[in-house]
C-alpha cells in the first residue's frame, strides 16, 4: 500500500518536474512532517527552485496519494 501510494506521488511529481528520486523522497518527507504542506523554510531552502504553482500542485499530488481519512 505504501509503495503504491509513493509510486502514485512520484509519478505525479515526475509529470510536473524533472526531479531526482532522492529529492522526491525528501519532498515526501517534508510533506509528511507538514501534514501535506511544505513549510516556508523548506520552500526557501531545499525547494527554492519550485514556483508557487508547482508547490501547490505537489501538495495536491501528496494529498491524492495520502488522503486524510
PDB file of N, CA and C in Angstrom:
ATOM      1  N   UNK A   1       0.824  -1.195   0.000  1.00  0.00           N
ATOM      2  CA  UNK A   1       0.000   0.000   0.000  1.00  0.00           C
ATOM      3  C   UNK A   1       0.874   1.267   0.000  1.00  0.00           C
ATOM      4  N   UNK A   2       1.896   1.296   0.869  1.00  0.00           N
ATOM      5  CA  UNK A   2       2.791   2.466   0.910  1.00  0.00           C
ATOM      6  C   UNK A   2       3.492   2.632  -0.435  1.00  0.00           C
ATOM      7  N   UNK A   3       3.980   1.526  -0.979  1.00  0.00           N
ATOM      8  CA  UNK A   3       4.725   1.604  -2.240  1.00  0.00           C
ATOM      9  C   UNK A   3       3.820   2.102  -3.365  1.00  0.00           C
ATOM     10  N   UNK A   4       2.577   1.632  -3.393  1.00  0.00           N
ATOM     11  CA  UNK A   4       1.637   2.105  -4.414  1.00  0.00           C
ATOM     12  C   UNK A   4       1.388   3.609  -4.266  1.00  0.00           C
ATOM     13  N   UNK A   5       1.221   4.056  -3.020  1.00  0.00           N
ATOM     14  CA  UNK A   5       0.985   5.478  -2.770  1.00  0.00           C
ATOM     15  C   UNK A   5       2.215   6.306  -3.167  1.00  0.00           C
ATOM     16  N   UNK A   6       3.400   5.801  -2.791  1.00  0.00           N
ATOM     17  CA  UNK A   6       4.634   6.513  -3.130  1.00  0.00           C
ATOM     18  C   UNK A   6       4.795   6.595  -4.649  1.00  0.00           C
ATOM     19  N   UNK A   7       4.536   5.470  -5.335  1.00  0.00           N
ATOM     20  CA  UNK A   7       4.655   5.459  -6.793  1.00  0.00           C
ATOM     21  C   UNK A   7       3.675   6.440  -7.438  1.00  0.00           C
ATOM     22  N   UNK A   8       2.466   6.522  -6.896  1.00  0.00           N
ATOM     23  CA  UNK A   8       1.466   7.463  -7.414  1.00  0.00           C
ATOM     24  C   UNK A   8       1.965   8.902  -7.234  1.00  0.00           C
ATOM     25  N   UNK A   9       2.503   9.176  -6.041  1.00  0.00           N
ATOM     26  CA  UNK A   9       3.029  10.513  -5.761  1.00  0.00           C
ATOM     27  C   UNK A   9       4.210  10.830  -6.677  1.00  0.00           C
ATOM     28  N   UNK A  10       5.163   9.906  -6.776  1.00  0.00           N
ATOM     29  CA  UNK A  10       6.350  10.132  -7.603  1.00  0.00           C
ATOM     30  C   UNK A  10       5.971  10.332  -9.069  1.00  0.00           C
ATOM     31  N   UNK A  11       5.022   9.551  -9.556  1.00  0.00           N
ATOM     32  CA  UNK A  11       4.576   9.714 -10.946  1.00  0.00           C
ATOM     33  C   UNK A  11       3.984  11.098 -11.181  1.00  0.00           C
ATOM     34  N   UNK A  12       3.223  11.577 -10.213  1.00  0.00           N
ATOM     35  CA  UNK A  12       2.631  12.916 -10.326  1.00  0.00           C
ATOM     36  C   UNK A  12       3.711  13.988 -10.347  1.00  0.00           C
ATOM     37  N   UNK A  13       4.698  13.850  -9.468  1.00  0.00           N
ATOM     38  CA  UNK A  13       5.799  14.824  -9.428  1.00  0.00           C
ATOM     39  C   UNK A  13       6.599  14.751 -10.728  1.00  0.00           C
ATOM     40  N   UNK A  14       6.875  13.530 -11.193  1.00  0.00           N
ATOM     41  CA  UNK A  14       7.633  13.362 -12.435  1.00  0.00           C
ATOM     42  C   UNK A  14       6.912  13.985 -13.632  1.00  0.00           C
ATOM     43  N   UNK A  15       5.578  13.958 -13.610  1.00  0.00           N
ATOM     44  CA  UNK A  15       4.809  14.556 -14.706  1.00  0.00           C
ATOM     45  C   UNK A  15       4.935  16.083 -14.700  1.00  0.00           C
ATOM     46  N   UNK A  16       5.211  16.647 -13.523  1.00  0.00           N
ATOM     47  CA  UNK A  16       5.339  18.101 -13.396  1.00  0.00           C
ATOM     48  C   UNK A  16       6.760  18.594 -13.623  1.00  0.00           C
ATOM     49  N   UNK A  17       7.725  17.868 -13.049  1.00  0.00           N
ATOM     50  CA  UNK A  17       9.104  18.349 -12.980  1.00  0.00           C
ATOM     51  C   UNK A  17      10.099  17.237 -13.242  1.00  0.00           C
ATOM     52  N   UNK A  18      11.292  17.632 -13.629  1.00  0.00           N
ATOM     53  CA  UNK A  18      12.406  16.696 -13.726  1.00  0.00           C
ATOM     54  C   UNK A  18      13.150  16.778 -12.394  1.00  0.00           C
ATOM     55  N   UNK A  19      12.811  15.856 -11.476  1.00  0.00           N
ATOM     56  CA  UNK A  19      13.379  15.900 -10.129  1.00  0.00           C
ATOM     57  C   UNK A  19      13.992  14.534  -9.807  1.00  0.00           C
ATOM     58  N   UNK A  20      15.242  14.494  -9.346  1.00  0.00           N
ATOM     59  CA  UNK A  20      15.868  13.215  -8.996  1.00  0.00           C
ATOM     60  C   UNK A  20      15.087  12.501  -7.884  1.00  0.00           C
ATOM     61  N   UNK A  21      15.101  11.175  -7.927  1.00  0.00           N
ATOM     62  CA  UNK A  21      14.363  10.364  -6.950  1.00  0.00           C
ATOM     63  C   UNK A  21      14.693  10.720  -5.500  1.00  0.00           C
ATOM     64  N   UNK A  22      15.969  10.943  -5.145  1.00  0.00           N
ATOM     65  CA  UNK A  22      16.247  11.308  -3.745  1.00  0.00           C
ATOM     66  C   UNK A  22      15.575  12.625  -3.333  1.00  0.00           C
ATOM     67  N   UNK A  23      15.438  13.558  -4.269  1.00  0.00           N
ATOM     68  CA  UNK A  23      14.784  14.828  -3.961  1.00  0.00           C
ATOM     69  C   UNK A  23      13.275  14.622  -3.799  1.00  0.00           C
ATOM     70  N   UNK A  24      12.692  13.727  -4.597  1.00  0.00           N
ATOM     71  CA  UNK A  24      11.266  13.411  -4.453  1.00  0.00           C
ATOM     72  C   UNK A  24      11.024  12.795  -3.081  1.00  0.00           C
ATOM     73  N   UNK A  25      11.932  11.927  -2.648  1.00  0.00           N
ATOM     74  CA  UNK A  25      11.790  11.306  -1.331  1.00  0.00           C
ATOM     75  C   UNK A  25      11.911  12.355  -0.225  1.00  0.00           C
ATOM     76  N   UNK A  26      12.834  13.288  -0.380  1.00  0.00           N
ATOM     77  CA  UNK A  26      12.977  14.378   0.592  1.00  0.00           C
ATOM     78  C   UNK A  26      11.698  15.222   0.625  1.00  0.00           C
ATOM     79  N   UNK A  27      11.172  15.489  -0.538  1.00  0.00           N
ATOM     80  CA  UNK A  27       9.928  16.241  -0.661  1.00  0.00           C
ATOM     81  C   UNK A  27       8.799  15.525   0.081  1.00  0.00           C
ATOM     82  N   UNK A  28       8.674  14.221  -0.130  1.00  0.00           N
ATOM     83  CA  UNK A  28       7.649  13.433   0.547  1.00  0.00           C
ATOM     84  C   UNK A  28       7.819  13.504   2.057  1.00  0.00           C
ATOM     85  N   UNK A  29       9.057  13.451   2.530  1.00  0.00           N
ATOM     86  CA  UNK A  29       9.317  13.543   3.961  1.00  0.00           C
ATOM     87  C   UNK A  29       8.887  14.883   4.545  1.00  0.00           C
ATOM     88  N   UNK A  30       9.193  15.965   3.838  1.00  0.00           N
ATOM     89  CA  UNK A  30       8.771  17.293   4.302  1.00  0.00           C
ATOM     90  C   UNK A  30       7.251  17.411   4.312  1.00  0.00           C
ATOM     91  N   UNK A  31       6.606  16.852   3.289  1.00  0.00           N
ATOM     92  CA  UNK A  31       5.143  16.900   3.232  1.00  0.00           C
ATOM     93  C   UNK A  31       4.523  16.072   4.355  1.00  0.00           C
ATOM     94  N   UNK A  32       5.128  14.941   4.646  1.00  0.00           N
ATOM     95  CA  UNK A  32       4.626  14.110   5.747  1.00  0.00           C
ATOM     96  C   UNK A  32       4.737  14.865   7.071  1.00  0.00           C
ATOM     97  N   UNK A  33       5.881  15.493   7.301  1.00  0.00           N
ATOM     98  CA  UNK A  33       6.082  16.269   8.534  1.00  0.00           C
ATOM     99  C   UNK A  33       5.115  17.441   8.628  1.00  0.00           C
ATOM    100  N   UNK A  34       4.815  18.050   7.497  1.00  0.00           N
ATOM    101  CA  UNK A  34       3.959  19.232   7.478  1.00  0.00           C
ATOM    102  C   UNK A  34       2.490  18.918   7.242  1.00  0.00           C
ATOM    103  N   UNK A  35       2.119  17.640   7.424  1.00  0.00           N
ATOM    104  CA  UNK A  35       0.720  17.233   7.199  1.00  0.00           C
ATOM    105  C   UNK A  35       0.217  17.645   5.818  1.00  0.00           C
ATOM    106  N   UNK A  36       1.072  17.449   4.812  1.00  0.00           N
ATOM    107  CA  UNK A  36       0.677  17.708   3.432  1.00  0.00           C
ATOM    108  C   UNK A  36       1.013  19.092   2.909  1.00  0.00           C
ATOM    109  N   UNK A  37       1.662  19.896   3.733  1.00  0.00           N
ATOM    110  CA  UNK A  37       2.023  21.257   3.330  1.00  0.00           C
ATOM    111  C   UNK A  37       3.528  21.456   3.472  1.00  0.00           C
ATOM    112  N   UNK A  38       4.129  22.092   2.483  1.00  0.00           N
ATOM    113  CA  UNK A  38       5.551  22.416   2.579  1.00  0.00           C
ATOM    114  C   UNK A  38       5.718  23.670   3.431  1.00  0.00           C
ATOM    115  N   UNK A  39       6.645  23.617   4.353  1.00  0.00           N
ATOM    116  CA  UNK A  39       6.889  24.774   5.225  1.00  0.00           C
ATOM    117  C   UNK A  39       7.537  25.904   4.427  1.00  0.00           C
ATOM    118  N   UNK A  40       7.389  27.107   4.935  1.00  0.00           N
ATOM    119  CA  UNK A  40       8.040  28.259   4.293  1.00  0.00           C
ATOM    120  C   UNK A  40       9.549  28.066   4.264  1.00  0.00           C
ATOM    121  N   UNK A  41      10.099  27.511   5.346  1.00  0.00           N
ATOM    122  CA  UNK A  41      11.536  27.275   5.411  1.00  0.00           C
ATOM    123  C   UNK A  41      11.972  26.316   4.304  1.00  0.00           C
ATOM    124  N   UNK A  42      11.238  25.221   4.130  1.00  0.00           N
ATOM    125  CA  UNK A  42      11.581  24.252   3.086  1.00  0.00           C
ATOM    126  C   UNK A  42      11.486  24.891   1.703  1.00  0.00           C
ATOM    127  N   UNK A  43      10.470  25.710   1.503  1.00  0.00           N
ATOM    128  CA  UNK A  43      10.320  26.381   0.207  1.00  0.00           C
ATOM    129  C   UNK A  43      11.428  27.403  -0.035  1.00  0.00           C
ATOM    130  N   UNK A  44      11.926  28.026   1.007  1.00  0.00           N
ATOM    131  CA  UNK A  44      13.034  28.993   0.863  1.00  0.00           C
ATOM    132  C   UNK A  44      14.368  28.287   0.650  1.00  0.00           C
ATOM    133  N   UNK A  45      14.529  27.113   1.250  1.00  0.00           N
ATOM    134  CA  UNK A  45      15.826  26.442   1.222  1.00  0.00           C
ATOM    135  C   UNK A  45      15.868  25.274   0.243  1.00  0.00           C
ATOM    136  N   UNK A  46      15.454  24.099   0.697  1.00  0.00           N
ATOM    137  CA  UNK A  46      15.589  22.881  -0.104  1.00  0.00           C
ATOM    138  C   UNK A  46      14.850  22.948  -1.440  1.00  0.00           C
ATOM    139  N   UNK A  47      13.712  23.626  -1.466  1.00  0.00           N
ATOM    140  CA  UNK A  47      12.875  23.630  -2.665  1.00  0.00           C
ATOM    141  C   UNK A  47      12.686  25.032  -3.239  1.00  0.00           C
ATOM    142  N   UNK A  48      13.719  25.846  -3.149  1.00  0.00           N
ATOM    143  CA  UNK A  48      13.633  27.237  -3.614  1.00  0.00           C
ATOM    144  C   UNK A  48      13.418  27.334  -5.124  1.00  0.00           C
ATOM    145  N   UNK A  49      13.740  26.283  -5.867  1.00  0.00           N
ATOM    146  CA  UNK A  49      13.562  26.310  -7.320  1.00  0.00           C
ATOM    147  C   UNK A  49      12.096  26.135  -7.724  1.00  0.00           C
ATOM    148  N   UNK A  50      11.252  25.688  -6.800  1.00  0.00           N
ATOM    149  CA  UNK A  50       9.836  25.485  -7.118  1.00  0.00           C
ATOM    150  C   UNK A  50       9.096  26.813  -7.190  1.00  0.00           C
ATOM    151  N   UNK A  51       8.209  26.904  -8.160  1.00  0.00           N
ATOM    152  CA  UNK A  51       7.317  28.059  -8.198  1.00  0.00           C
ATOM    153  C   UNK A  51       6.181  27.802  -7.206  1.00  0.00           C
ATOM    154  N   UNK A  52       5.426  28.837  -6.903  1.00  0.00           N
ATOM    155  CA  UNK A  52       4.284  28.682  -6.001  1.00  0.00           C
ATOM    156  C   UNK A  52       3.275  27.691  -6.589  1.00  0.00           C
ATOM    157  N   UNK A  53       3.059  27.774  -7.894  1.00  0.00           N
ATOM    158  CA  UNK A  53       2.122  26.868  -8.563  1.00  0.00           C
ATOM    159  C   UNK A  53       2.608  25.420  -8.482  1.00  0.00           C
ATOM    160  N   UNK A  54       3.904  25.199  -8.725  1.00  0.00           N
ATOM    161  CA  UNK A  54       4.455  23.844  -8.633  1.00  0.00           C
ATOM    162  C   UNK A  54       4.311  23.292  -7.222  1.00  0.00           C
ATOM    163  N   UNK A  55       4.592  24.116  -6.221  1.00  0.00           N
ATOM    164  CA  UNK A  55       4.460  23.677  -4.828  1.00  0.00           C
ATOM    165  C   UNK A  55       3.021  23.278  -4.528  1.00  0.00           C
ATOM    166  N   UNK A  56       2.075  24.057  -5.006  1.00  0.00           N
ATOM    167  CA  UNK A  56       0.658  23.743  -4.791  1.00  0.00           C
ATOM    168  C   UNK A  56       0.282  22.437  -5.472  1.00  0.00           C
ATOM    169  N   UNK A  57       0.729  22.241  -6.702  1.00  0.00           N
ATOM    170  CA  UNK A  57       0.427  21.006  -7.426  1.00  0.00           C
ATOM    171  C   UNK A  57       1.046  19.792  -6.738  1.00  0.00           C
ATOM    172  N   UNK A  58       2.237  19.950  -6.198  1.00  0.00           N
ATOM    173  CA  UNK A  58       2.894  18.858  -5.480  1.00  0.00           C
ATOM    174  C   UNK A  58       2.138  18.543  -4.194  1.00  0.00           C
ATOM    175  N   UNK A  59       1.705  19.565  -3.482  1.00  0.00           N
ATOM    176  CA  UNK A  59       0.908  19.339  -2.269  1.00  0.00           C
ATOM    177  C   UNK A  59      -0.395  18.621  -2.613  1.00  0.00           C
ATOM    178  N   UNK A  60      -1.002  18.966  -3.737  1.00  0.00           N
ATOM    179  CA  UNK A  60      -2.225  18.291  -4.181  1.00  0.00           C
ATOM    180  C   UNK A  60      -1.945  16.835  -4.551  1.00  0.00           C
ATOM    181  N   UNK A  61      -0.805  16.579  -5.180  1.00  0.00           N
ATOM    182  CA  UNK A  61      -0.426  15.208  -5.527  1.00  0.00           C
ATOM    183  C   UNK A  61      -0.208  14.377  -4.268  1.00  0.00           C
ATOM    184  N   UNK A  62       0.396  14.991  -3.257  1.00  0.00           N
ATOM    185  CA  UNK A  62       0.603  14.299  -1.980  1.00  0.00           C
ATOM    186  C   UNK A  62      -0.748  13.978  -1.342  1.00  0.00           C
ATOM    187  N   UNK A  63      -1.656  14.940  -1.348  1.00  0.00           N
ATOM    188  CA  UNK A  63      -2.986  14.738  -0.760  1.00  0.00           C
ATOM    189  C   UNK A  63      -3.751  13.636  -1.493  1.00  0.00           C
ATOM    190  N   UNK A  64      -3.556  13.527  -2.799  1.00  0.00           N
ATOM    191  CA  UNK A  64      -4.225  12.476  -3.566  1.00  0.00           C
ATOM    192  C   UNK A  64      -3.646  11.098  -3.250  1.00  0.00           C
ATOM    193  N   UNK A  65      -2.338  11.046  -3.021  1.00  0.00           N
ATOM    194  CA  UNK A  65      -1.689   9.763  -2.723  1.00  0.00           C
ATOM    195  C   UNK A  65      -1.902   9.339  -1.279  1.00  0.00           C
ATOM    196  N   UNK A  66      -1.925  10.302  -0.373  1.00  0.00           N
ATOM    197  CA  UNK A  66      -2.121  10.026   1.053  1.00  0.00           C
ATOM    198  C   UNK A  66      -3.287  10.864   1.582  1.00  0.00           C
ATOM    199  N   UNK A  67      -4.518  10.496   1.189  1.00  0.00           N
ATOM    200  CA  UNK A  67      -5.664  11.286   1.664  1.00  0.00           C
ATOM    201  C   UNK A  67      -5.847  11.138   3.166  1.00  0.00           C
ATOM    202  N   UNK A  68      -6.310  12.213   3.804  1.00  0.00           N
ATOM    203  CA  UNK A  68      -6.615  12.156   5.236  1.00  0.00           C
ATOM    204  C   UNK A  68      -7.931  11.430   5.400  1.00  0.00           C
ATOM    205  N   UNK A  69      -7.924  10.422   6.234  1.00  0.00           N
ATOM    206  CA  UNK A  69      -9.157   9.651   6.462  1.00  0.00           C
ATOM    207  C   UNK A  69     -10.029  10.290   7.499  1.00  0.00           C
TER     208      UNK A  69
END
